[in-house]
Amino acid sequence: MDDAPLWQRAEFLVHRPDCAQASSDRLLTDREALEMLADPEVAGSCDVCRPDTILRQLR
């Protein structure tokens, strides 16, 4: 069993568009980001830009 937090085991990290850690691979809509963050094994929230704090208002 992996003892790492789920966000560290996630396949992707979700960033805000202005995050210095973000790559320009693909921009997500707010809905897509919320869907990805709903499953912590799929995506985690960047610790630098914390998109979950902004998206939380949209739920």
PDB file of N, CA and C in Angstrom:
ATOM      1  N   MET A   1       0.841  -1.190   0.000  1.00  0.00           N
ATOM      2  CA  MET A   1       0.000   0.000   0.000  1.00  0.00           C
ATOM      3  C   MET A   1       0.879   1.244   0.000  1.00  0.00           C
ATOM      4  N   ASP A   2       0.550   2.215  -0.821  1.00  0.00           N
ATOM      5  CA  ASP A   2       1.314   3.440  -0.938  1.00  0.00           C
ATOM      6  C   ASP A   2       0.897   4.407   0.166  1.00  0.00           C
ATOM      7  N   ASP A   3       1.866   4.913   0.931  1.00  0.00           N
ATOM      8  CA  ASP A   3       1.568   5.825   2.033  1.00  0.00           C
ATOM      9  C   ASP A   3       1.542   7.285   1.606  1.00  0.00           C
ATOM     10  N   ALA A   4       1.845   7.581   0.346  1.00  0.00           N
ATOM     11  CA  ALA A   4       1.829   8.960  -0.132  1.00  0.00           C
ATOM     12  C   ALA A   4       0.392   9.488  -0.168  1.00  0.00           C
ATOM     13  N   PRO A   5       0.220  10.793   0.088  1.00  0.00           N
ATOM     14  CA  PRO A   5      -1.118  11.373  -0.014  1.00  0.00           C
ATOM     15  C   PRO A   5      -1.685  11.165  -1.421  1.00  0.00           C
ATOM     16  N   LEU A   6      -3.004  11.101  -1.508  1.00  0.00           N
ATOM     17  CA  LEU A   6      -3.634  10.848  -2.807  1.00  0.00           C
ATOM     18  C   LEU A   6      -3.213  11.856  -3.862  1.00  0.00           C
ATOM     19  N   TRP A   7      -3.093  13.152  -3.491  1.00  0.00           N
ATOM     20  CA  TRP A   7      -2.742  14.145  -4.502  1.00  0.00           C
ATOM     21  C   TRP A   7      -1.363  13.893  -5.088  1.00  0.00           C
ATOM     22  N   GLN A   8      -0.471  13.254  -4.341  1.00  0.00           N
ATOM     23  CA  GLN A   8       0.861  12.954  -4.865  1.00  0.00           C
ATOM     24  C   GLN A   8       0.819  11.741  -5.792  1.00  0.00           C
ATOM     25  N   ARG A   9      -0.187  10.894  -5.651  1.00  0.00           N
ATOM     26  CA  ARG A   9      -0.327   9.720  -6.515  1.00  0.00           C
ATOM     27  C   ARG A   9      -1.169  10.020  -7.746  1.00  0.00           C
ATOM     28  N   ALA A  10      -1.742  11.201  -7.810  1.00  0.00           N
ATOM     29  CA  ALA A  10      -2.612  11.568  -8.918  1.00  0.00           C
ATOM     30  C   ALA A  10      -1.831  11.589 -10.228  1.00  0.00           C
ATOM     31  N   GLU A  11      -2.543  11.284 -11.294  1.00  0.00           N
ATOM     32  CA  GLU A  11      -1.931  11.280 -12.612  1.00  0.00           C
ATOM     33  C   GLU A  11      -1.647  12.694 -13.120  1.00  0.00           C
ATOM     34  N   PHE A  12      -2.487  13.661 -12.733  1.00  0.00           N
ATOM     35  CA  PHE A  12      -2.367  15.045 -13.192  1.00  0.00           C
ATOM     36  C   PHE A  12      -2.471  15.998 -12.014  1.00  0.00           C
ATOM     37  N   LEU A  13      -1.901  17.194 -12.173  1.00  0.00           N
ATOM     38  CA  LEU A  13      -2.108  18.287 -11.234  1.00  0.00           C
ATOM     39  C   LEU A  13      -2.865  19.381 -11.968  1.00  0.00           C
ATOM     40  N   VAL A  14      -3.884  19.916 -11.324  1.00  0.00           N
ATOM     41  CA  VAL A  14      -4.670  21.002 -11.900  1.00  0.00           C
ATOM     42  C   VAL A  14      -4.079  22.314 -11.391  1.00  0.00           C
ATOM     43  N   HIS A  15      -3.868  23.265 -12.311  1.00  0.00           N
ATOM     44  CA  HIS A  15      -3.289  24.570 -12.001  1.00  0.00           C
ATOM     45  C   HIS A  15      -4.229  25.679 -12.449  1.00  0.00           C
ATOM     46  N   ARG A  16      -4.063  26.858 -11.871  1.00  0.00           N
ATOM     47  CA  ARG A  16      -4.705  28.056 -12.407  1.00  0.00           C
ATOM     48  C   ARG A  16      -3.902  28.471 -13.637  1.00  0.00           C
ATOM     49  N   PRO A  17      -4.533  29.141 -14.601  1.00  0.00           N
ATOM     50  CA  PRO A  17      -3.812  29.523 -15.829  1.00  0.00           C
ATOM     51  C   PRO A  17      -2.581  30.394 -15.583  1.00  0.00           C
ATOM     52  N   ASP A  18      -2.569  31.179 -14.520  1.00  0.00           N
ATOM     53  CA  ASP A  18      -1.439  32.073 -14.253  1.00  0.00           C
ATOM     54  C   ASP A  18      -0.382  31.459 -13.333  1.00  0.00           C
ATOM     55  N   CYS A  19      -0.474  30.170 -13.057  1.00  0.00           N
ATOM     56  CA  CYS A  19       0.474  29.496 -12.165  1.00  0.00           C
ATOM     57  C   CYS A  19       1.834  29.318 -12.844  1.00  0.00           C
ATOM     58  N   ALA A  20       2.884  29.638 -12.109  1.00  0.00           N
ATOM     59  CA  ALA A  20       4.242  29.469 -12.631  1.00  0.00           C
ATOM     60  C   ALA A  20       4.597  27.998 -12.828  1.00  0.00           C
ATOM     61  N   GLN A  21       3.914  27.102 -12.126  1.00  0.00           N
ATOM     62  CA  GLN A  21       4.183  25.674 -12.219  1.00  0.00           C
ATOM     63  C   GLN A  21       3.434  24.998 -13.368  1.00  0.00           C
ATOM     64  N   ALA A  22       2.491  25.715 -13.981  1.00  0.00           N
ATOM     65  CA  ALA A  22       1.630  25.123 -15.011  1.00  0.00           C
ATOM     66  C   ALA A  22       2.367  25.012 -16.344  1.00  0.00           C
ATOM     67  N   SER A  23       2.061  23.936 -17.048  1.00  0.00           N
ATOM     68  CA  SER A  23       2.546  23.822 -18.426  1.00  0.00           C
ATOM     69  C   SER A  23       1.410  24.306 -19.317  1.00  0.00           C
ATOM     70  N   SER A  24       1.715  24.554 -20.536  1.00  0.00           N
ATOM     71  CA  SER A  24       0.665  25.030 -21.447  1.00  0.00           C
ATOM     72  C   SER A  24       0.114  23.886 -22.291  1.00  0.00           C
ATOM     73  N   ASP A  25       0.184  22.666 -21.762  1.00  0.00           N
ATOM     74  CA  ASP A  25      -0.289  21.501 -22.504  1.00  0.00           C
ATOM     75  C   ASP A  25      -1.763  21.596 -22.871  1.00  0.00           C
ATOM     76  N   ARG A  26      -2.587  21.930 -21.897  1.00  0.00           N
ATOM     77  CA  ARG A  26      -4.032  21.966 -22.153  1.00  0.00           C
ATOM     78  C   ARG A  26      -4.699  22.809 -21.089  1.00  0.00           C
ATOM     79  N   LEU A  27      -5.607  23.677 -21.530  1.00  0.00           N
ATOM     80  CA  LEU A  27      -6.402  24.459 -20.593  1.00  0.00           C
ATOM     81  C   LEU A  27      -7.730  23.758 -20.379  1.00  0.00           C
ATOM     82  N   LEU A  28      -8.138  23.654 -19.125  1.00  0.00           N
ATOM     83  CA  LEU A  28      -9.406  23.019 -18.785  1.00  0.00           C
ATOM     84  C   LEU A  28     -10.473  24.072 -18.556  1.00  0.00           C
ATOM     85  N   THR A  29     -11.698  23.707 -18.813  1.00  0.00           N
ATOM     86  CA  THR A  29     -12.801  24.565 -18.393  1.00  0.00           C
ATOM     87  C   THR A  29     -12.962  24.379 -16.887  1.00  0.00           C
ATOM     88  N   ASP A  30     -13.707  25.272 -16.263  1.00  0.00           N
ATOM     89  CA  ASP A  30     -13.961  25.131 -14.823  1.00  0.00           C
ATOM     90  C   ASP A  30     -14.650  23.809 -14.530  1.00  0.00           C
ATOM     91  N   ARG A  31     -15.594  23.437 -15.362  1.00  0.00           N
ATOM     92  CA  ARG A  31     -16.335  22.182 -15.160  1.00  0.00           C
ATOM     93  C   ARG A  31     -15.397  20.971 -15.258  1.00  0.00           C
ATOM     94  N   GLU A  32     -14.502  20.973 -16.261  1.00  0.00           N
ATOM     95  CA  GLU A  32     -13.549  19.873 -16.417  1.00  0.00           C
ATOM     96  C   GLU A  32     -12.616  19.782 -15.213  1.00  0.00           C
ATOM     97  N   ALA A  33     -12.167  20.930 -14.733  1.00  0.00           N
ATOM     98  CA  ALA A  33     -11.271  20.943 -13.578  1.00  0.00           C
ATOM     99  C   ALA A  33     -11.980  20.388 -12.339  1.00  0.00           C
ATOM    100  N   LEU A  34     -13.226  20.790 -12.126  1.00  0.00           N
ATOM    101  CA  LEU A  34     -14.002  20.278 -10.994  1.00  0.00           C
ATOM    102  C   LEU A  34     -14.186  18.766 -11.091  1.00  0.00           C
ATOM    103  N   GLU A  35     -14.477  18.284 -12.301  1.00  0.00           N
ATOM    104  CA  GLU A  35     -14.663  16.846 -12.493  1.00  0.00           C
ATOM    105  C   GLU A  35     -13.379  16.081 -12.209  1.00  0.00           C
ATOM    106  N   MET A  36     -12.250  16.613 -12.660  1.00  0.00           N
ATOM    107  CA  MET A  36     -10.972  15.942 -12.416  1.00  0.00           C
ATOM    108  C   MET A  36     -10.629  15.947 -10.934  1.00  0.00           C
ATOM    109  N   LEU A  37     -10.846  17.071 -10.261  1.00  0.00           N
ATOM    110  CA  LEU A  37     -10.505  17.176  -8.841  1.00  0.00           C
ATOM    111  C   LEU A  37     -11.437  16.356  -7.956  1.00  0.00           C
ATOM    112  N   ALA A  38     -12.575  15.952  -8.495  1.00  0.00           N
ATOM    113  CA  ALA A  38     -13.522  15.139  -7.722  1.00  0.00           C
ATOM    114  C   ALA A  38     -12.943  13.759  -7.411  1.00  0.00           C
ATOM    115  N   ASP A  39     -12.014  13.291  -8.227  1.00  0.00           N
ATOM    116  CA  ASP A  39     -11.383  11.986  -8.003  1.00  0.00           C
ATOM    117  C   ASP A  39      -9.899  12.204  -7.735  1.00  0.00           C
ATOM    118  N   PRO A  40      -9.460  12.152  -6.482  1.00  0.00           N
ATOM    119  CA  PRO A  40      -8.065  12.446  -6.145  1.00  0.00           C
ATOM    120  C   PRO A  40      -7.048  11.476  -6.731  1.00  0.00           C
ATOM    121  N   GLU A  41      -7.494  10.340  -7.246  1.00  0.00           N
ATOM    122  CA  GLU A  41      -6.542   9.445  -7.902  1.00  0.00           C
ATOM    123  C   GLU A  41      -6.286   9.870  -9.343  1.00  0.00           C
ATOM    124  N   VAL A  42      -7.164  10.697  -9.878  1.00  0.00           N
ATOM    125  CA  VAL A  42      -7.004  11.190 -11.250  1.00  0.00           C
ATOM    126  C   VAL A  42      -6.231  12.499 -11.254  1.00  0.00           C
ATOM    127  N   ALA A  43      -6.634  13.433 -10.409  1.00  0.00           N
ATOM    128  CA  ALA A  43      -6.000  14.750 -10.413  1.00  0.00           C
ATOM    129  C   ALA A  43      -5.911  15.311  -9.014  1.00  0.00           C
ATOM    130  N   GLY A  44      -4.845  16.046  -8.791  1.00  0.00           N
ATOM    131  CA  GLY A  44      -4.653  16.750  -7.540  1.00  0.00           C
ATOM    132  C   GLY A  44      -4.593  18.236  -7.806  1.00  0.00           C
ATOM    133  N   SER A  45      -4.689  19.010  -6.759  1.00  0.00           N
ATOM    134  CA  SER A  45      -4.658  20.462  -6.861  1.00  0.00           C
ATOM    135  C   SER A  45      -3.236  20.951  -6.587  1.00  0.00           C
ATOM    136  N   CYS A  46      -2.739  21.838  -7.426  1.00  0.00           N
ATOM    137  CA  CYS A  46      -1.397  22.397  -7.255  1.00  0.00           C
ATOM    138  C   CYS A  46      -1.300  23.105  -5.902  1.00  0.00           C
ATOM    139  N   ASP A  47      -0.222  22.843  -5.168  1.00  0.00           N
ATOM    140  CA  ASP A  47      -0.016  23.493  -3.874  1.00  0.00           C
ATOM    141  C   ASP A  47       0.429  24.942  -4.004  1.00  0.00           C
ATOM    142  N   VAL A  48       0.871  25.347  -5.179  1.00  0.00           N
ATOM    143  CA  VAL A  48       1.333  26.719  -5.387  1.00  0.00           C
ATOM    144  C   VAL A  48       0.155  27.646  -5.663  1.00  0.00           C
ATOM    145  N   CYS A  49      -0.671  27.305  -6.638  1.00  0.00           N
ATOM    146  CA  CYS A  49      -1.754  28.208  -7.056  1.00  0.00           C
ATOM    147  C   CYS A  49      -3.116  27.873  -6.455  1.00  0.00           C
ATOM    148  N   ARG A  50      -3.282  26.668  -5.908  1.00  0.00           N
ATOM    149  CA  ARG A  50      -4.497  26.226  -5.224  1.00  0.00           C
ATOM    150  C   ARG A  50      -5.789  26.519  -5.997  1.00  0.00           C
ATOM    151  N   PRO A  51      -5.956  25.942  -7.187  1.00  0.00           N
ATOM    152  CA  PRO A  51      -7.173  26.191  -7.963  1.00  0.00           C
ATOM    153  C   PRO A  51      -8.437  25.709  -7.263  1.00  0.00           C
ATOM    154  N   ASP A  52      -8.299  24.753  -6.360  1.00  0.00           N
ATOM    155  CA  ASP A  52      -9.467  24.246  -5.642  1.00  0.00           C
ATOM    156  C   ASP A  52     -10.145  25.331  -4.814  1.00  0.00           C
ATOM    157  N   THR A  53      -9.378  26.318  -4.314  1.00  0.00           N
ATOM    158  CA  THR A  53      -9.991  27.380  -3.515  1.00  0.00           C
ATOM    159  C   THR A  53     -10.890  28.275  -4.367  1.00  0.00           C
ATOM    160  N   ILE A  54     -10.503  28.511  -5.608  1.00  0.00           N
ATOM    161  CA  ILE A  54     -11.325  29.311  -6.522  1.00  0.00           C
ATOM    162  C   ILE A  54     -12.509  28.490  -7.015  1.00  0.00           C
ATOM    163  N   LEU A  55     -12.230  27.246  -7.412  1.00  0.00           N
ATOM    164  CA  LEU A  55     -13.289  26.399  -7.978  1.00  0.00           C
ATOM    165  C   LEU A  55     -14.326  25.998  -6.936  1.00  0.00           C
ATOM    166  N   ARG A  56     -13.962  25.978  -5.677  1.00  0.00           N
ATOM    167  CA  ARG A  56     -14.888  25.615  -4.616  1.00  0.00           C
ATOM    168  C   ARG A  56     -16.136  26.516  -4.643  1.00  0.00           C
ATOM    169  N   GLN A  57     -15.947  27.774  -5.034  1.00  0.00           N
ATOM    170  CA  GLN A  57     -17.056  28.727  -5.103  1.00  0.00           C
ATOM    171  C   GLN A  57     -18.045  28.365  -6.207  1.00  0.00           C
ATOM    172  N   LEU A  58     -17.617  27.590  -7.192  1.00  0.00           N
ATOM    173  CA  LEU A  58     -18.461  27.245  -8.331  1.00  0.00           C
ATOM    174  C   LEU A  58     -19.306  25.991  -8.114  1.00  0.00           C
ATOM    175  N   ARG A  59     -19.007  25.236  -7.083  1.00  0.00           N
ATOM    176  CA  ARG A  59     -19.728  23.972  -6.857  1.00  0.00           C
ATOM    177  C   ARG A  59     -21.183  24.196  -6.600  1.00  0.00           C
TER     178      ARG A  59
END
